[in-house]
Amino acid sequence: MTNDREERCQRFFTERGARYENGKLLDFGEDSSTPEPESPTLSVLDQKALLQVSGPDSLKFLQGQLTCNLDTLSTEQFSGGAACTPKGRMFTSFTLLKASEEQFMMAMHRGLIESTQTSLGKYAVFYKTELTPDQNYICLGLSGKAVEEKIASLFNDVPNDNSALNIDQQGWLLNLSGAVNRFELWITLEHLATLWDKLTKQFTPAGHQHWQLLDCLAVEPNLSPEIANNYIPQHLNLSSLKSVSFRKGCYTGQEIVARMQNLGQLKSRCYRLSSDQPLTLVPDTRLFNSAGKAIGEVIASVQTQQTTEVLAVIRVESAEDNDVRLDGEEGLKLNCQPLPYKIDPKQELQF
């Protein structure tokens, strides 16, 4: 069942050439279904939504619940992060923006909005703060060759580091560049209507599958409902992506997360796997080594015109040996790709 926001978004994009199936945006025509990674692309991130946290105690409340350090954020700065159970298992991951001294916006998988509101709400009752699913904003991704030059021509500025660019008081542009240069635009649907023609002169519109491909290439995983409560932050490399602070102090699940980091005994983490075969792999699909032993599971996957790219949490030794298969010892081999960033547990403790 779709809500009012999703219905308005679907109507908006359908009027501009989008094709939907069972409420999911497929593409803007066959030519846009699987753009090349370097193609200038505007990805409609309809799998994402925003949760607004507002009120005079919002900073204090969130600082005691999230893995990221909100005390280091100025207004219109952002950070990746996660929220955990007391056992350190993540029930959501997100990008958090400090919109003002008393307002924070958290972008996450839309299927996690309600459960996150409920889980955090158990603690929010003790603070002057409110958690409200946003009904006004849509998330878009901007990527591809010369993306910074195109953004400069559109908005007369390019945000850098973790500072967001305010767009006419109707949204924000966030520079999420890491292993892949890309930006997210959180914008009201009404203001997007005024920007659409300018945006699509610079970028070709596409569904969120293109953004998932960039997630895979950058090895920047996101939690989805299918894998919520399965992993600690280090399993998804969030400590290496600066989405976990080990110097901020206590938060729910912090003891478990910090202990694992200090011991340095993490046996599994997220890697990118590739195959030249067209594969449809749903989250939580089990993976094996050549001896038939289960070594992990799929987080996300996407097909390109030439390959299938997969993010998976697998045993470190299997990744190092490039020994990953589907369906046991006789299954199709998946090739493990090098991580595009450094893993340094001791250095991460200083963040």
Protein backbone atom coordinates (compact mmCIF):
# COMPACT_ATOMS: atom_id res chain seq x y z
CA MET A 1 0.00 0.00 0.00
CA THR A 2 1.38 3.41 -0.99
CA ASN A 3 1.04 6.54 1.12
CA ASP A 4 0.20 10.02 -0.09
CA ARG A 5 3.85 10.98 -0.59
CA GLU A 6 4.56 7.91 -2.71
CA GLU A 7 1.42 8.48 -4.80
CA ARG A 8 2.41 12.09 -5.49
CA CYS A 9 5.94 11.03 -6.43
CA GLN A 10 4.70 8.30 -8.75
CA ARG A 11 2.33 10.72 -10.46
CA PHE A 12 5.10 13.31 -10.84
CA PHE A 13 7.63 10.92 -12.40
CA THR A 14 5.07 9.09 -14.55
CA GLU A 15 4.18 12.43 -16.14
CA ARG A 16 7.89 12.76 -16.99
CA GLY A 17 8.30 9.38 -18.66
CA ALA A 18 8.91 6.98 -15.79
CA ARG A 19 7.74 3.39 -16.06
CA TYR A 20 6.43 1.68 -12.92
CA GLU A 21 5.68 -1.93 -12.08
CA ASN A 22 3.87 -2.89 -8.86
CA GLY A 23 4.55 0.57 -7.48
CA LYS A 24 8.31 0.41 -8.17
CA LEU A 25 10.02 2.77 -10.60
CA LEU A 26 11.78 0.68 -13.25
CA ASP A 27 13.30 3.30 -15.56
CA PHE A 28 12.59 6.23 -17.86
CA GLY A 29 12.63 4.08 -20.99
CA GLU A 30 14.69 1.07 -21.99
CA ASP A 31 17.81 3.16 -22.74
CA SER A 32 17.96 4.41 -19.15
CA SER A 33 17.53 1.11 -17.33
CA THR A 34 21.23 0.33 -16.85
CA PRO A 35 23.42 3.37 -17.58
CA GLU A 36 27.18 3.02 -17.50
CA PRO A 37 28.75 4.10 -14.17
CA GLU A 38 30.33 7.19 -15.74
CA SER A 39 27.17 8.28 -17.57
CA PRO A 40 25.79 11.59 -16.21
CA THR A 41 22.75 10.21 -14.39
CA LEU A 42 19.94 11.50 -12.21
CA SER A 43 18.85 8.52 -10.10
CA VAL A 44 15.41 8.67 -8.51
CA LEU A 45 16.00 7.17 -5.08
CA ASP A 46 12.42 6.11 -4.46
CA GLN A 47 13.63 3.41 -2.07
CA LYS A 48 14.67 6.19 0.34
CA ALA A 49 12.65 8.45 2.62
CA LEU A 50 13.38 10.94 5.40
CA LEU A 51 12.66 10.76 9.10
CA GLN A 52 12.57 14.16 10.80
CA VAL A 53 13.66 14.54 14.42
CA SER A 54 12.81 17.92 15.94
CA GLY A 55 12.59 19.64 19.30
CA PRO A 56 14.89 21.30 21.84
CA ASP A 57 16.27 17.96 23.15
CA SER A 58 16.86 16.38 19.74
CA LEU A 59 20.66 16.64 19.81
CA LYS A 60 20.95 15.18 23.30
CA PHE A 61 18.49 12.41 22.47
CA LEU A 62 20.14 11.35 19.19
CA GLN A 63 23.65 11.56 20.63
CA GLY A 64 22.68 8.80 23.05
CA GLN A 65 21.23 6.57 20.34
CA LEU A 66 23.34 6.81 17.19
CA THR A 67 26.83 5.61 16.23
CA CYS A 68 27.88 8.97 14.75
CA ASN A 69 29.05 11.96 16.79
CA LEU A 70 26.49 14.73 16.44
CA ASP A 71 28.48 17.06 18.68
CA THR A 72 30.94 17.57 15.83
CA LEU A 73 28.25 18.69 13.35
CA SER A 74 27.47 22.32 12.63
CA THR A 75 24.18 23.37 11.04
CA GLU A 76 23.85 21.96 7.50
CA GLN A 77 26.58 19.38 8.00
CA PHE A 78 25.93 15.65 7.70
CA SER A 79 27.25 12.23 8.66
CA GLY A 80 26.58 8.60 7.95
CA GLY A 81 25.51 6.49 10.90
CA ALA A 82 23.45 3.68 12.33
CA ALA A 83 21.21 2.90 15.29
CA CYS A 84 21.63 -0.35 17.18
CA THR A 85 19.86 -2.65 19.58
CA PRO A 86 21.43 -3.14 23.04
CA LYS A 87 23.21 -6.15 21.51
CA GLY A 88 24.86 -3.93 18.91
CA ARG A 89 22.76 -5.12 15.96
CA MET A 90 21.75 -2.36 13.54
CA PHE A 91 18.05 -1.76 13.00
CA THR A 92 18.74 1.14 10.63
CA SER A 93 21.55 2.91 8.79
CA PHE A 94 21.23 6.41 7.39
CA THR A 95 22.67 9.71 6.30
CA LEU A 96 21.88 12.33 8.95
CA LEU A 97 21.77 16.09 8.28
CA LYS A 98 21.69 18.74 10.98
CA ALA A 99 19.11 21.08 9.43
CA SER A 100 19.08 23.47 12.41
CA GLU A 101 19.93 23.47 16.12
CA GLU A 102 16.68 21.65 16.87
CA GLN A 103 16.00 19.72 13.66
CA PHE A 104 17.69 16.70 12.10
CA MET A 105 16.81 14.83 8.89
CA MET A 106 17.68 11.15 8.48
CA ALA A 107 17.58 9.54 5.02
CA MET A 108 17.21 5.76 5.07
CA HIS A 109 15.47 2.91 3.30
CA ARG A 110 11.79 3.81 3.30
CA GLY A 111 10.95 0.33 4.59
CA LEU A 112 12.83 1.15 7.80
CA ILE A 113 11.13 4.47 8.58
CA GLU A 114 8.26 3.05 10.65
CA SER A 115 10.36 0.54 12.59
CA THR A 116 13.03 3.17 13.27
CA GLN A 117 10.41 5.61 14.51
CA THR A 118 9.08 2.92 16.84
CA SER A 119 12.49 1.77 18.11
CA LEU A 120 13.84 5.26 18.75
CA GLY A 121 10.47 6.37 20.04
CA LYS A 122 10.88 4.12 23.09
CA TYR A 123 13.65 6.45 24.25
CA ALA A 124 12.29 9.69 22.76
CA VAL A 125 9.46 9.82 25.32
CA PHE A 126 12.00 10.98 27.91
CA TYR A 127 13.04 14.00 25.84
CA LYS A 128 11.47 17.08 24.29
CA THR A 129 11.73 15.71 20.77
CA GLU A 130 9.44 14.32 18.07
CA LEU A 131 10.07 11.78 15.31
CA THR A 132 8.00 12.39 12.19
CA PRO A 133 8.12 10.60 8.81
CA ASP A 134 8.62 13.35 6.23
CA GLN A 135 5.99 13.76 3.52
CA ASN A 136 7.56 16.59 1.53
CA TYR A 137 11.00 15.55 0.31
CA ILE A 138 12.22 13.27 -2.46
CA CYS A 139 15.78 11.90 -2.65
CA LEU A 140 17.71 12.03 -5.92
CA GLY A 141 21.24 10.97 -6.85
CA LEU A 142 23.51 12.92 -9.22
CA SER A 143 26.55 11.15 -10.62
CA GLY A 144 28.75 10.58 -13.62
CA LYS A 145 31.46 12.24 -15.65
CA ALA A 146 32.08 15.92 -14.81
CA VAL A 147 29.39 15.78 -12.12
CA GLU A 148 30.98 18.62 -10.13
CA GLU A 149 31.09 20.93 -13.15
CA LYS A 150 27.45 20.17 -13.95
CA ILE A 151 26.40 20.85 -10.36
CA ALA A 152 28.30 24.13 -10.33
CA SER A 153 26.46 25.24 -13.45
CA LEU A 154 23.10 24.30 -11.92
CA PHE A 155 23.52 25.64 -8.38
CA ASN A 156 26.43 28.11 -8.69
CA ASP A 157 28.31 26.19 -6.00
CA VAL A 158 29.56 22.71 -5.13
CA PRO A 159 29.37 21.42 -1.54
CA ASN A 160 32.52 19.83 -0.18
CA ASP A 161 33.45 17.55 2.68
CA ASN A 162 30.42 17.01 4.93
CA SER A 163 28.77 20.42 4.41
CA ALA A 164 25.43 20.45 2.58
CA LEU A 165 24.41 23.17 0.14
CA ASN A 166 21.05 24.74 0.95
CA ILE A 167 18.86 24.85 -2.16
CA ASP A 168 16.54 27.87 -1.94
CA GLN A 169 15.34 26.81 1.52
CA GLN A 170 13.62 23.90 -0.24
CA GLY A 171 16.23 21.20 0.18
CA TRP A 172 19.90 20.27 0.42
CA LEU A 173 22.65 18.97 -1.83
CA LEU A 174 25.09 16.56 -0.13
CA ASN A 175 28.49 15.54 -1.46
CA LEU A 176 28.70 11.80 -0.81
CA SER A 177 31.80 11.25 -2.92
CA GLY A 178 34.09 8.50 -1.74
CA ALA A 179 35.38 5.82 -4.08
CA VAL A 180 32.79 7.18 -6.56
CA ASN A 181 32.04 10.88 -7.12
CA ARG A 182 28.34 11.44 -6.47
CA PHE A 183 25.86 13.73 -4.74
CA GLU A 184 22.43 13.36 -3.15
CA LEU A 185 19.75 15.99 -3.57
CA TRP A 186 16.98 16.08 -0.95
CA ILE A 187 14.36 18.39 -2.39
CA THR A 188 10.66 19.13 -2.00
CA LEU A 189 8.57 17.73 -4.82
CA GLU A 190 7.16 21.19 -5.51
CA HIS A 191 10.63 22.69 -5.97
CA LEU A 192 11.80 19.71 -8.00
CA ALA A 193 9.10 20.59 -10.52
CA THR A 194 10.87 23.92 -11.13
CA LEU A 195 14.31 22.26 -11.42
CA TRP A 196 13.43 19.16 -13.44
CA ASP A 197 14.05 20.56 -16.93
CA LYS A 198 17.42 22.04 -15.90
CA LEU A 199 18.47 18.83 -14.18
CA THR A 200 17.52 16.58 -17.09
CA LYS A 201 19.44 18.74 -19.56
CA GLN A 202 22.59 17.81 -17.62
CA PHE A 203 21.70 14.32 -16.36
CA THR A 204 19.72 11.41 -17.81
CA PRO A 205 16.98 10.24 -15.41
CA ALA A 206 17.02 6.62 -14.23
CA GLY A 207 15.68 4.40 -11.47
CA HIS A 208 17.50 3.67 -8.23
CA GLN A 209 19.19 0.58 -9.70
CA HIS A 210 21.93 2.82 -11.09
CA TRP A 211 22.59 4.20 -7.59
CA GLN A 212 22.74 0.63 -6.28
CA LEU A 213 25.43 -0.08 -8.87
CA LEU A 214 27.44 2.87 -7.54
CA ASP A 215 26.90 1.57 -3.99
CA CYS A 216 28.42 -1.74 -5.12
CA LEU A 217 31.39 -0.17 -6.90
CA ALA A 218 32.11 2.06 -3.89
CA VAL A 219 31.39 -0.77 -1.40
CA GLU A 220 29.07 1.52 0.57
CA PRO A 221 26.28 -0.77 1.82
CA ASN A 222 22.95 0.33 3.25
CA LEU A 223 20.64 -1.53 5.58
CA SER A 224 17.34 -2.75 4.10
CA PRO A 225 14.34 -4.33 5.86
CA GLU A 226 15.44 -7.81 4.77
CA ILE A 227 18.71 -7.61 6.71
CA ALA A 228 17.77 -5.32 9.61
CA ASN A 229 18.96 -6.58 13.02
CA ASN A 230 21.42 -9.02 11.41
CA TYR A 231 24.69 -7.13 11.66
CA ILE A 232 26.86 -4.91 13.81
CA PRO A 233 28.18 -1.73 12.11
CA GLN A 234 31.62 -3.21 11.35
CA HIS A 235 30.04 -5.99 9.28
CA LEU A 236 28.94 -3.30 6.80
CA ASN A 237 32.31 -1.49 7.06
CA LEU A 238 30.64 1.53 8.66
CA SER A 239 33.61 2.13 10.96
CA SER A 240 35.88 2.33 7.90
CA LEU A 241 33.40 4.71 6.24
CA LYS A 242 33.52 7.08 9.25
CA SER A 243 29.93 6.35 10.26
CA VAL A 244 30.93 5.16 13.74
CA SER A 245 32.64 7.31 16.37
CA PHE A 246 34.62 5.51 19.08
CA ARG A 247 35.36 8.74 20.96
CA LYS A 248 31.85 10.13 21.41
CA GLY A 249 30.85 8.18 24.51
CA CYS A 250 27.87 5.97 25.22
CA TYR A 251 24.96 5.12 22.94
CA THR A 252 22.67 2.12 22.78
CA GLY A 253 24.76 -0.90 21.70
CA GLN A 254 28.04 1.01 22.08
CA GLU A 255 29.65 -1.52 24.44
CA ILE A 256 29.32 -4.37 21.93
CA VAL A 257 30.45 -2.25 18.97
CA ALA A 258 33.48 -0.85 20.82
CA ARG A 259 34.50 -4.25 22.22
CA MET A 260 34.58 -5.78 18.74
CA GLN A 261 36.68 -2.90 17.44
CA ASN A 262 39.13 -3.02 20.34
CA LEU A 263 39.58 -6.79 20.14
CA GLY A 264 40.17 -6.63 16.39
CA GLN A 265 38.57 -10.04 15.91
CA LEU A 266 35.98 -9.30 13.24
CA LYS A 267 35.72 -12.44 11.11
CA SER A 268 33.32 -11.15 8.44
CA ARG A 269 32.82 -7.86 6.64
CA CYS A 270 31.33 -6.42 3.45
CA TYR A 271 32.97 -7.02 0.07
CA ARG A 272 32.07 -6.50 -3.56
CA LEU A 273 31.60 -9.65 -5.64
CA SER A 274 31.23 -9.83 -9.41
CA SER A 275 30.02 -12.31 -12.00
CA ASP A 276 29.83 -12.19 -15.78
CA GLN A 277 26.54 -14.09 -15.53
CA PRO A 278 23.11 -12.39 -15.22
CA LEU A 279 22.02 -13.20 -11.66
CA THR A 280 19.07 -12.21 -9.52
CA LEU A 281 20.24 -12.43 -5.91
CA VAL A 282 17.93 -11.26 -3.15
CA PRO A 283 19.22 -9.99 0.20
CA ASP A 284 20.14 -12.78 2.64
CA THR A 285 20.96 -15.27 -0.16
CA ARG A 286 23.54 -17.62 1.38
CA LEU A 287 27.05 -17.92 -0.05
CA PHE A 288 29.56 -20.77 0.27
CA ASN A 289 33.24 -21.60 -0.22
CA SER A 290 34.57 -24.34 -2.49
CA ALA A 291 34.34 -26.83 0.39
CA GLY A 292 30.59 -26.21 0.62
CA LYS A 293 30.79 -24.33 3.92
CA ALA A 294 28.47 -21.34 4.40
CA ILE A 295 30.59 -18.18 4.58
CA GLY A 296 28.09 -15.33 4.40
CA GLU A 297 25.14 -13.79 2.62
CA VAL A 298 24.16 -11.21 0.02
CA ILE A 299 23.37 -7.63 1.09
CA ALA A 300 22.38 -6.26 -2.32
CA SER A 301 22.92 -6.97 -6.01
CA VAL A 302 22.36 -5.27 -9.35
CA GLN A 303 22.73 -6.33 -12.98
CA THR A 304 24.60 -4.24 -15.53
CA GLN A 305 24.81 -4.82 -19.27
CA GLN A 306 27.94 -6.93 -18.77
CA THR A 307 28.05 -8.14 -15.17
CA THR A 308 26.21 -8.74 -11.93
CA GLU A 309 27.62 -6.72 -9.03
CA VAL A 310 27.01 -7.89 -5.47
CA LEU A 311 27.60 -6.57 -1.98
CA ALA A 312 27.92 -9.38 0.55
CA VAL A 313 29.03 -9.92 4.12
CA ILE A 314 31.44 -12.84 3.94
CA ARG A 315 34.28 -14.38 5.91
CA VAL A 316 37.50 -12.40 5.59
CA GLU A 317 39.57 -15.48 4.76
CA SER A 318 37.21 -16.40 1.92
CA ALA A 319 37.54 -12.90 0.50
CA GLU A 320 41.33 -13.05 0.74
CA ASP A 321 41.34 -16.46 -0.97
CA ASN A 322 38.77 -15.31 -3.57
CA ASP A 323 36.75 -18.40 -2.69
CA VAL A 324 33.05 -17.51 -2.91
CA ARG A 325 30.35 -19.54 -4.59
CA LEU A 326 26.62 -19.91 -4.97
CA ASP A 327 24.97 -23.19 -3.94
CA GLY A 328 27.94 -25.01 -2.44
CA GLU A 329 31.11 -26.49 -3.93
CA GLU A 330 29.63 -27.02 -7.41
CA GLY A 331 28.05 -23.57 -7.51
CA LEU A 332 28.93 -20.59 -9.67
CA LYS A 333 32.09 -18.80 -8.57
CA LEU A 334 31.81 -15.10 -7.65
CA ASN A 335 34.95 -13.01 -7.93
CA CYS A 336 35.88 -10.91 -4.90
CA GLN A 337 37.09 -7.41 -5.81
CA PRO A 338 39.58 -5.31 -3.80
CA LEU A 339 38.10 -2.84 -1.35
CA PRO A 340 38.44 0.76 -2.60
CA TYR A 341 39.33 2.06 0.85
CA LYS A 342 41.60 1.08 3.71
CA ILE A 343 40.55 -1.09 6.65
CA ASP A 344 42.50 -0.01 9.75
CA PRO A 345 40.72 -0.88 13.03
CA LYS A 346 43.32 0.89 15.21
CA GLN A 347 43.14 4.10 13.19
CA GLU A 348 39.34 3.97 13.18
CA LEU A 349 39.38 4.08 16.99
CA GLN A 350 40.67 7.67 16.74
CA PHE A 351 37.57 8.87 14.88
